[in-house]
Protein backbone atom coordinates (compact mmCIF):
# COMPACT_ATOMS: atom_id res chain seq x y z
CA UNK A 1 -34.28 0.36 33.49
CA UNK A 2 -35.24 -2.68 35.54
CA UNK A 3 -38.90 -3.13 36.47
CA UNK A 4 -39.96 -4.38 39.89
CA UNK A 5 -43.13 -6.02 41.09
CA UNK A 6 -44.37 -4.98 44.53
CA UNK A 7 -43.21 -8.37 45.82
CA UNK A 8 -39.70 -7.90 44.37
CA UNK A 9 -39.43 -4.37 45.73
CA UNK A 10 -40.40 -5.62 49.20
CA UNK A 11 -37.27 -7.82 49.26
CA UNK A 12 -35.06 -4.71 48.92
CA UNK A 13 -35.81 -3.56 52.45
CA UNK A 14 -32.26 -2.85 53.64
CA UNK A 15 -32.29 -5.77 56.08
CA UNK A 16 -30.25 -8.97 56.27
CA UNK A 17 -27.68 -7.66 53.79
CA UNK A 18 -30.21 -6.60 51.16
CA UNK A 19 -29.94 -3.14 49.58
CA UNK A 20 -32.56 -0.52 50.45
CA UNK A 21 -34.80 0.51 47.55
CA UNK A 22 -37.87 2.73 47.48
CA UNK A 23 -40.34 3.53 44.73
CA UNK A 24 -41.56 7.02 43.89
CA UNK A 25 -43.89 7.87 41.01
CA UNK A 26 -43.17 4.64 39.18
CA UNK A 27 -39.37 4.80 39.54
CA UNK A 28 -37.28 2.67 41.89
CA UNK A 29 -34.38 4.29 43.71
CA UNK A 30 -31.49 2.62 45.54
CA UNK A 31 -31.12 4.56 48.81
CA UNK A 32 -28.65 2.11 50.36
CA UNK A 33 -25.75 4.54 50.46
CA UNK A 34 -27.72 7.28 52.23
CA UNK A 35 -27.08 7.60 55.95
CA UNK A 36 -30.76 8.58 56.21
CA UNK A 37 -31.75 5.00 55.34
CA UNK A 38 -29.64 3.03 57.83
CA UNK A 39 -31.09 -0.42 58.48
CA UNK A 40 -33.78 0.16 55.85
CA UNK A 41 -35.62 2.87 57.79
CA UNK A 42 -35.90 6.62 57.32
CA UNK A 43 -36.53 8.69 60.45
CA UNK A 44 -38.51 5.82 62.00
CA UNK A 45 -41.41 6.70 59.67
CA UNK A 46 -40.68 4.93 56.41
CA UNK A 47 -39.49 1.45 55.50
CA UNK A 48 -37.43 0.63 52.43
CA UNK A 49 -38.87 -1.92 50.04
CA UNK A 50 -42.08 0.03 49.50
CA UNK A 51 -43.76 2.57 47.24
CA UNK A 52 -43.45 5.86 49.12
CA UNK A 53 -45.18 8.06 46.54
CA UNK A 54 -48.05 9.14 48.82
CA UNK A 55 -45.79 9.74 51.82
CA UNK A 56 -43.25 11.76 49.83
CA UNK A 57 -45.92 13.81 48.09
CA UNK A 58 -47.41 14.66 51.47
CA UNK A 59 -44.02 15.50 53.02
CA UNK A 60 -42.78 17.46 50.00
CA UNK A 61 -45.91 18.86 48.29
CA UNK A 62 -44.01 21.36 46.12
CA UNK A 63 -42.03 18.63 44.31
CA UNK A 64 -43.69 19.47 40.99
CA UNK A 65 -42.13 22.97 41.14
CA UNK A 66 -38.67 21.42 40.96
CA UNK A 67 -39.27 19.52 37.72
């Protein structure tokens, strides 16, 4: 699996033809094909190209139950 620095991840913001990637708990996910991430944004709250661990844990606190 490819590793990303924070600076590299920031380039994958879904803008100017770049794919949209997000990081969650140390893993990077390509969300480009999701209609929820059009133009590198998700529901006006989150930007692609960033680590969204804290935001996702707050929005979905029962994630650990699904593992």
